[in-house]
C-alpha atoms as a PDB file:
ATOM      1  CA  MET A   1     109.229 115.100  72.625  1.00  0.00           C
ATOM      2  CA  ALA A   2     105.618 113.866  72.754  1.00  0.00           C
ATOM      3  CA  LEU A   3     103.216 115.505  75.211  1.00  0.00           C
ATOM      4  CA  ASP A   4     102.583 112.138  76.883  1.00  0.00           C
ATOM      5  CA  THR A   5     106.276 111.743  77.601  1.00  0.00           C
ATOM      6  CA  ILE A   6     106.657 115.312  78.937  1.00  0.00           C
ATOM      7  CA  VAL A   7     103.698 114.903  81.299  1.00  0.00           C
ATOM      8  CA  GLU A   8     104.836 111.472  82.435  1.00  0.00           C
ATOM      9  CA  ARG A   9     108.398 112.578  83.198  1.00  0.00           C
ATOM     10  CA  SER A  10     107.279 115.749  84.938  1.00  0.00           C
ATOM     11  CA  LEU A  11     104.881 113.903  87.247  1.00  0.00           C
ATOM     12  CA  SER A  12     107.521 111.290  88.025  1.00  0.00           C
ATOM     13  CA  VAL A  13     109.894 114.027  89.170  1.00  0.00           C
ATOM     14  CA  LEU A  14     107.149 115.668  91.244  1.00  0.00           C
ATOM     15  CA  GLY A  15     105.968 112.454  92.875  1.00  0.00           C
ATOM     16  CA  TYR A  16     102.471 112.584  91.331  1.00  0.00           C
ATOM     17  CA  PRO A  17     100.859 115.214  93.602  1.00  0.00           C
ATOM     18  CA  SER A  18      97.084 114.761  93.879  1.00  0.00           C
ATOM     19  CA  ILE A  19      96.297 117.937  91.966  1.00  0.00           C
ATOM     20  CA  THR A  20      97.960 116.492  88.841  1.00  0.00           C
ATOM     21  CA  HIS A  21      96.050 113.195  88.598  1.00  0.00           C
ATOM     22  CA  GLY A  22      93.235 114.711  86.572  1.00  0.00           C
ATOM     23  CA  LEU A  23      95.753 116.273  84.182  1.00  0.00           C
ATOM     24  CA  LEU A  24      97.415 112.919  83.644  1.00  0.00           C
ATOM     25  CA  ASN A  25      94.126 111.106  83.069  1.00  0.00           C
ATOM     26  CA  ARG A  26      93.013 113.713  80.519  1.00  0.00           C
ATOM     27  CA  HIS A  27      96.214 114.063  78.523  1.00  0.00           C
ATOM     28  CA  VAL A  28      98.028 110.720  78.713  1.00  0.00           C
ATOM     29  CA  ASP A  29      96.183 107.952  76.906  1.00  0.00           C
ATOM     30  CA  ALA A  30      98.272 105.240  78.551  1.00  0.00           C
ATOM     31  CA  ALA A  31      97.400 106.262  82.134  1.00  0.00           C
ATOM     32  CA  ALA A  32      94.315 106.177  84.358  1.00  0.00           C
ATOM     33  CA  LEU A  33      95.058 106.849  88.031  1.00  0.00           C
ATOM     34  CA  ASP A  34      92.710 106.288  90.953  1.00  0.00           C
ATOM     35  CA  VAL A  35      94.871 107.295  93.904  1.00  0.00           C
ATOM     36  CA  ALA A  36      93.575 107.946  97.415  1.00  0.00           C
ATOM     37  CA  PRO A  37      94.558 111.379  98.784  1.00  0.00           C
ATOM     38  CA  SER A  38      96.437 109.728 101.663  1.00  0.00           C
ATOM     39  CA  ALA A  39      98.576 107.525  99.396  1.00  0.00           C
ATOM     40  CA  ARG A  40     102.257 108.553  99.264  1.00  0.00           C
ATOM     41  CA  ILE A  41     104.185 108.394  96.002  1.00  0.00           C
ATOM     42  CA  SER A  42     107.896 109.202  96.178  1.00  0.00           C
ATOM     43  CA  MET A  43     109.787 111.147  93.531  1.00  0.00           C
ATOM     44  CA  GLY A  44     111.144 108.982  90.738  1.00  0.00           C
ATOM     45  CA  CYS A  45     108.194 106.579  90.601  1.00  0.00           C
ATOM     46  CA  LEU A  46     106.522 105.894  87.259  1.00  0.00           C
ATOM     47  CA  LEU A  47     102.823 104.996  86.890  1.00  0.00           C
ATOM     48  CA  ARG A  48     101.356 103.729  83.639  1.00  0.00           C
ATOM     49  CA  GLY A  49      98.096 102.081  82.697  1.00  0.00           C
ATOM     50  CA  HIS A  50      95.207 101.810  85.138  1.00  0.00           C
ATOM     51  CA  VAL A  51      96.655 102.105  88.661  1.00  0.00           C
ATOM     52  CA  THR A  52      94.534 102.114  91.827  1.00  0.00           C
ATOM     53  CA  LEU A  53      96.183 102.960  95.156  1.00  0.00           C
ATOM     54  CA  GLU A  54      93.935 102.697  98.193  1.00  0.00           C
ATOM     55  CA  PRO A  55      94.347 104.829 101.359  1.00  0.00           C
ATOM     56  CA  HIS A  56      97.801 105.110 102.924  1.00  0.00           C
ATOM     57  CA  VAL A  57      99.612 103.042 100.285  1.00  0.00           C
ATOM     58  CA  ARG A  58     103.289 104.024 100.128  1.00  0.00           C
ATOM     59  CA  LEU A  59     105.489 103.824  97.035  1.00  0.00           C
ATOM     60  CA  SER A  60     109.167 104.465  97.761  1.00  0.00           C
ATOM     61  CA  ARG A  61     111.497 105.990  95.185  1.00  0.00           C
ATOM     62  CA  GLY A  62     112.007 104.334  91.832  1.00  0.00           C
ATOM     63  CA  CYS A  63     108.934 102.085  91.851  1.00  0.00           C
ATOM     64  CA  ILE A  64     107.410 101.391  88.439  1.00  0.00           C
ATOM     65  CA  LEU A  65     103.758 100.353  88.132  1.00  0.00           C
ATOM     66  CA  ASN A  66     102.509  99.475  84.653  1.00  0.00           C
ATOM     67  CA  GLY A  67      98.921  98.332  85.124  1.00  0.00           C
ATOM     68  CA  PRO A  68      96.184  97.410  85.450  1.00  0.00           C
ATOM     69  CA  ILE A  69      97.310  97.303  89.093  1.00  0.00           C
ATOM     70  CA  ASP A  70      95.230  97.517  92.278  1.00  0.00           C
ATOM     71  CA  VAL A  71      96.982  97.975  95.652  1.00  0.00           C
ATOM     72  CA  GLY A  72      95.123  97.660  98.964  1.00  0.00           C
ATOM     73  CA  ARG A  73      95.296 100.051 101.877  1.00  0.00           C
ATOM     74  CA  ARG A  74      98.487 100.603 103.876  1.00  0.00           C
ATOM     75  CA  THR A  75     100.578  98.326 101.681  1.00  0.00           C
ATOM     76  CA  ASN A  76     104.217  99.488 101.476  1.00  0.00           C
ATOM     77  CA  PHE A  77     106.671  99.204  98.593  1.00  0.00           C
ATOM     78  CA  GLU A  78     110.339  99.797  99.307  1.00  0.00           C
ATOM     79  CA  PRO A  79     112.594 101.332  96.603  1.00  0.00           C
ATOM     80  CA  ASP A  80     112.859 100.109  93.009  1.00  0.00           C
ATOM     81  CA  CYS A  81     109.965  97.635  92.871  1.00  0.00           C
ATOM     82  CA  ASP A  82     108.728  96.821  89.367  1.00  0.00           C
ATOM     83  CA  LEU A  83     105.124  95.750  88.679  1.00  0.00           C
ATOM     84  CA  VAL A  84     104.066  94.893  85.134  1.00  0.00           C
ATOM     85  CA  GLY A  85     100.669  93.579  84.046  1.00  0.00           C
ATOM     86  CA  ASP A  86      97.387  92.600  85.674  1.00  0.00           C
ATOM     87  CA  ILE A  87      98.200  92.590  89.403  1.00  0.00           C
ATOM     88  CA  GLU A  88      96.112  92.823  92.565  1.00  0.00           C
ATOM     89  CA  ILE A  89      97.731  93.227  95.996  1.00  0.00           C
ATOM     90  CA  GLY A  90      95.820  93.194  99.278  1.00  0.00           C
ATOM     91  CA  ASN A  91      95.926  95.242 102.472  1.00  0.00           C
ATOM     92  CA  TYR A  92      98.862  95.676 104.878  1.00  0.00           C
ATOM     93  CA  CYS A  93     101.475  93.977 102.692  1.00  0.00           C
ATOM     94  CA  ALA A  94     105.208  94.663 103.041  1.00  0.00           C
ATOM     95  CA  ILE A  95     107.074  94.559  99.719  1.00  0.00           C
ATOM     96  CA  ALA A  96     110.859  94.790 100.037  1.00  0.00           C
ATOM     97  CA  ARG A  97     113.170  96.629  97.656  1.00  0.00           C
ATOM     98  CA  GLU A  98     113.769  95.488  94.075  1.00  0.00           C
ATOM     99  CA  THR A  99     110.855  93.058  94.045  1.00  0.00           C
ATOM    100  CA  THR A 100     109.509  92.253  90.573  1.00  0.00           C
ATOM    101  CA  PHE A 101     105.953  91.290  89.626  1.00  0.00           C
ATOM    102  CA  GLN A 102     106.058  90.120  86.007  1.00  0.00           C
ATOM    103  CA  GLN A 103     102.572  89.180  84.848  1.00  0.00           C
ATOM    104  CA  THR A 104     103.303  89.327  81.111  1.00  0.00           C
ATOM    105  CA  ASN A 105     106.020  87.413  79.283  1.00  0.00           C
ATOM    106  CA  HIS A 106     107.443  87.104  75.781  1.00  0.00           C
ATOM    107  CA  GLU A 107     105.661  84.885  73.291  1.00  0.00           C
ATOM    108  CA  THR A 108     108.075  82.026  72.550  1.00  0.00           C
ATOM    109  CA  THR A 109     106.255  80.064  69.822  1.00  0.00           C
ATOM    110  CA  LYS A 110     107.084  82.499  66.976  1.00  0.00           C
ATOM    111  CA  PRO A 111     110.365  82.599  65.042  1.00  0.00           C
ATOM    112  CA  ALA A 112     111.368  85.756  66.944  1.00  0.00           C
ATOM    113  CA  MET A 113     110.570  87.025  70.453  1.00  0.00           C
ATOM    114  CA  GLN A 114     111.262  90.774  70.357  1.00  0.00           C
ATOM    115  CA  ILE A 115     108.102  92.914  70.305  1.00  0.00           C
ATOM    116  CA  ARG A 116     110.004  95.861  68.815  1.00  0.00           C
ATOM    117  CA  LEU A 117     111.031  93.747  65.795  1.00  0.00           C
ATOM    118  CA  TYR A 118     107.423  92.954  64.989  1.00  0.00           C
ATOM    119  CA  ASP A 119     106.318  96.558  65.581  1.00  0.00           C
ATOM    120  CA  GLU A 120     109.033  98.557  63.807  1.00  0.00           C
ATOM    121  CA  VAL A 121     110.422  96.165  61.194  1.00  0.00           C
ATOM    122  CA  LEU A 122     107.454  93.967  60.292  1.00  0.00           C
ATOM    123  CA  ASP A 123     104.719  96.537  61.015  1.00  0.00           C
ATOM    124  CA  SER A 124     102.949  93.765  62.886  1.00  0.00           C
ATOM    125  CA  GLU A 125     102.079  92.833  66.462  1.00  0.00           C
ATOM    126  CA  LEU A 126     103.452  90.284  68.884  1.00  0.00           C
ATOM    127  CA  PRO A 127     101.085  90.222  71.858  1.00  0.00           C
ATOM    128  CA  PRO A 128     102.660  89.332  75.214  1.00  0.00           C
ATOM    129  CA  ALA A 129     102.008  85.915  76.694  1.00  0.00           C
ATOM    130  CA  ALA A 130     100.461  85.469  80.141  1.00  0.00           C
ATOM    131  CA  ASP A 131      99.241  82.638  82.360  1.00  0.00           C
ATOM    132  CA  GLY A 132      96.756  84.819  84.217  1.00  0.00           C
ATOM    133  CA  PRO A 133      96.792  87.708  86.688  1.00  0.00           C
ATOM    134  CA  ILE A 134      98.980  87.902  89.785  1.00  0.00           C
ATOM    135  CA  GLU A 135      96.976  87.997  93.009  1.00  0.00           C
ATOM    136  CA  VAL A 136      98.561  88.734  96.383  1.00  0.00           C
ATOM    137  CA  GLY A 137      96.533  88.431  99.576  1.00  0.00           C
ATOM    138  CA  ASN A 138      96.671  90.499 102.753  1.00  0.00           C
ATOM    139  CA  ASP A 139      99.427  90.736 105.376  1.00  0.00           C
ATOM    140  CA  VAL A 140     101.967  89.287 102.922  1.00  0.00           C
ATOM    141  CA  TRP A 141     105.695  89.950 103.298  1.00  0.00           C
ATOM    142  CA  ILE A 142     107.815  89.660 100.138  1.00  0.00           C
ATOM    143  CA  GLY A 143     111.583  89.757 100.640  1.00  0.00           C
ATOM    144  CA  THR A 144     114.231  91.695  98.739  1.00  0.00           C
ATOM    145  CA  ASP A 145     114.766  90.891  95.051  1.00  0.00           C
ATOM    146  CA  ALA A 146     111.956  88.326  94.864  1.00  0.00           C
ATOM    147  CA  THR A 147     110.247  87.705  91.520  1.00  0.00           C
ATOM    148  CA  ILE A 148     106.557  86.846  91.206  1.00  0.00           C
ATOM    149  CA  LEU A 149     105.549  85.416  87.828  1.00  0.00           C
ATOM    150  CA  SER A 150     102.369  85.266  85.769  1.00  0.00           C
ATOM    151  CA  GLY A 151      99.325  83.417  87.077  1.00  0.00           C
ATOM    152  CA  VAL A 152     100.530  83.153  90.680  1.00  0.00           C
ATOM    153  CA  THR A 153      98.231  83.570  93.688  1.00  0.00           C
ATOM    154  CA  ILE A 154      99.867  84.272  97.069  1.00  0.00           C
ATOM    155  CA  GLY A 155      97.632  83.580 100.044  1.00  0.00           C
ATOM    156  CA  ASP A 156      96.992  85.787 103.075  1.00  0.00           C
ATOM    157  CA  GLY A 157      99.781  85.966 105.627  1.00  0.00           C
ATOM    158  CA  ALA A 158     102.425  84.300 103.436  1.00  0.00           C
ATOM    159  CA  ILE A 159     106.150  85.107 103.483  1.00  0.00           C
ATOM    160  CA  ILE A 160     108.265  85.072 100.295  1.00  0.00           C
ATOM    161  CA  GLY A 161     111.984  84.729 100.982  1.00  0.00           C
ATOM    162  CA  ALA A 162     114.558  87.138  99.563  1.00  0.00           C
ATOM    163  CA  GLY A 163     115.628  86.253  96.029  1.00  0.00           C
ATOM    164  CA  ALA A 164     112.844  83.710  95.553  1.00  0.00           C
ATOM    165  CA  VAL A 165     111.289  83.136  92.134  1.00  0.00           C
ATOM    166  CA  VAL A 166     107.630  82.300  92.640  1.00  0.00           C
ATOM    167  CA  THR A 167     106.253  80.248  89.758  1.00  0.00           C
ATOM    168  CA  SER A 168     103.272  78.570  91.474  1.00  0.00           C
ATOM    169  CA  ASP A 169     100.615  79.398  94.048  1.00  0.00           C
ATOM    170  CA  VAL A 170     101.571  79.966  97.701  1.00  0.00           C
ATOM    171  CA  ASP A 171      99.236  78.790 100.473  1.00  0.00           C
ATOM    172  CA  PRO A 172      98.068  81.205 103.179  1.00  0.00           C
ATOM    173  CA  TYR A 173     100.616  81.581 105.998  1.00  0.00           C
ATOM    174  CA  ALA A 174     103.226  79.518 104.139  1.00  0.00           C
ATOM    175  CA  VAL A 175     106.902  80.546 104.157  1.00  0.00           C
ATOM    176  CA  VAL A 176     108.532  79.882 100.780  1.00  0.00           C
ATOM    177  CA  ALA A 177     112.068  80.355  99.481  1.00  0.00           C
ATOM    178  CA  GLY A 178     114.351  79.319  96.636  1.00  0.00           C
ATOM    179  CA  VAL A 179     114.384  79.107  92.837  1.00  0.00           C
ATOM    180  CA  PRO A 180     111.761  78.030  92.095  1.00  0.00           C
ATOM    181  CA  ALA A 181     110.149  78.859  95.444  1.00  0.00           C
ATOM    182  CA  ARG A 182     109.128  75.944  97.659  1.00  0.00           C
ATOM    183  CA  ARG A 183     107.474  75.881 101.065  1.00  0.00           C
ATOM    184  CA  VAL A 184     110.039  75.603 103.860  1.00  0.00           C
ATOM    185  CA  LYS A 185     107.645  75.936 106.828  1.00  0.00           C
ATOM    186  CA  TRP A 186     104.360  77.361 108.081  1.00  0.00           C
ATOM    187  CA  ARG A 187     104.115  80.560 110.078  1.00  0.00           C
ATOM    188  CA  PHE A 188     101.638  78.992 112.507  1.00  0.00           C
ATOM    189  CA  PRO A 189     100.031  75.614 113.270  1.00  0.00           C
ATOM    190  CA  LYS A 190      96.978  74.629 111.232  1.00  0.00           C
ATOM    191  CA  GLU A 191      94.438  75.579 113.905  1.00  0.00           C
ATOM    192  CA  THR A 192      95.902  79.069 114.271  1.00  0.00           C
ATOM    193  CA  ARG A 193      96.018  79.564 110.504  1.00  0.00           C
ATOM    194  CA  GLU A 194      92.385  78.601 110.152  1.00  0.00           C
ATOM    195  CA  GLN A 195      91.340  80.938 112.945  1.00  0.00           C
ATOM    196  CA  LEU A 196      93.253  83.871 111.469  1.00  0.00           C
ATOM    197  CA  LEU A 197      91.740  83.284 108.030  1.00  0.00           C
ATOM    198  CA  GLU A 198      88.297  83.245 109.606  1.00  0.00           C
ATOM    199  CA  LEU A 199      89.085  86.395 111.555  1.00  0.00           C
ATOM    200  CA  GLU A 200      90.140  88.432 108.482  1.00  0.00           C
ATOM    201  CA  TRP A 201      91.485  91.216 110.682  1.00  0.00           C
ATOM    202  CA  TRP A 202      92.814  93.048 107.601  1.00  0.00           C
ATOM    203  CA  GLU A 203      89.209  93.904 106.714  1.00  0.00           C
ATOM    204  CA  TRP A 204      88.613  95.659 110.054  1.00  0.00           C
ATOM    205  CA  ASP A 205      88.487  99.422 110.120  1.00  0.00           C
ATOM    206  CA  GLU A 206      91.370 101.125 111.909  1.00  0.00           C
ATOM    207  CA  GLU A 207      89.312 101.949 114.996  1.00  0.00           C
ATOM    208  CA  THR A 208      88.574  98.246 115.469  1.00  0.00           C
ATOM    209  CA  ILE A 209      92.240  97.375 114.990  1.00  0.00           C
ATOM    210  CA  ARG A 210      93.227  99.875 117.675  1.00  0.00           C
ATOM    211  CA  GLU A 211      90.612  98.411 120.014  1.00  0.00           C
ATOM    212  CA  HIS A 212      92.338  95.027 119.650  1.00  0.00           C
ATOM    213  CA  ARG A 213      95.863  96.254 120.341  1.00  0.00           C
ATOM    214  CA  ASP A 214      96.466  93.488 122.896  1.00  0.00           C
ATOM    215  CA  PHE A 215      95.645  90.876 120.261  1.00  0.00           C
ATOM    216  CA  PHE A 216      98.156  92.301 117.782  1.00  0.00           C
ATOM    217  CA  GLU A 217     100.904  92.532 120.396  1.00  0.00           C
ATOM    218  CA  GLN A 218     100.686  88.885 121.500  1.00  0.00           C
ATOM    219  CA  THR A 219     102.960  86.129 120.222  1.00  0.00           C
ATOM    220  CA  LEU A 220     101.221  83.357 118.293  1.00  0.00           C
ATOM    221  CA  PRO A 221     100.331  80.550 118.427  1.00  0.00           C
ATOM    222  CA  ASP A 222      97.988  81.342 121.266  1.00  0.00           C
ATOM    223  CA  SER A 223      94.618  79.955 120.229  1.00  0.00           C
ATOM    224  CA  ARG A 224      92.956  81.533 123.253  1.00  0.00           C
ATOM    225  CA  GLY A 225      93.958  84.964 121.965  1.00  0.00           C
ATOM    226  CA  VAL A 226      92.613  84.271 118.482  1.00  0.00           C
ATOM    227  CA  GLN A 227      89.407  82.795 119.852  1.00  0.00           C
ATOM    228  CA  GLU A 228      88.891  85.830 122.066  1.00  0.00           C
ATOM    229  CA  ALA A 229      89.233  88.128 119.059  1.00  0.00           C
ATOM    230  CA  LEU A 230      86.880  85.906 117.079  1.00  0.00           C
ATOM    231  CA  SER A 231      84.248  86.185 119.790  1.00  0.00           C
ATOM    232  CA  VAL A 232      84.206  89.997 119.644  1.00  0.00           C
ATOM    233  CA  GLU A 233      81.792  91.531 117.155  1.00  0.00           C
ATOM    234  CA  THR A 234      83.869  93.649 114.793  1.00  0.00           C
ATOM    235  CA  THR A 235      83.062  96.387 112.333  1.00  0.00           C
ATOM    236  CA  LYS A 236      84.278  95.599 108.843  1.00  0.00           C
END
């Protein structure tokens, strides 16, 4: 068994403790981890490629990240999520179990589509196809078993329904569902959406968020509450 495989499997079983990240980066060519000490990686996860996990990110068991992937602070992944390709996910997102981010696809214009055929039989290459990176904003909730495809941008505050297949961009604070996903409603009226996007609370430090507890515990739309928060000078 190759050294890369032994190291990879061992770290997956251990849950990638911080002390091992340097070992992985030195001895596994296919991996480059930049993981905050406060990030939590459950046993059974698998990290490949360039993976950045910002503070307090949580990966539940069985998640596979095959980068380049960048995950913002305090974003949570429930069990068995699968992320493949060039993917950026913002702060405070909630990703439900068995969600798939598939940024690369099979090339379909050749006589065959299997990469292994070209590699092992033809001694050639069949590069994957892609329509661009996947970009997910902040405060996004993605439901169970959703699939996000290549080139998609999901705006701040959006909700992706369970089982949805997202093939096109999602506006901020939109709620989408279906195959392919379509907008079914907005989370808030236009004025409230605009105020929240201007506020960008997800960029506040945690002390500022705690100082605005009353704001986060109110029920929107309440434009007076948003305006009050907007009028307070915040530390970002």
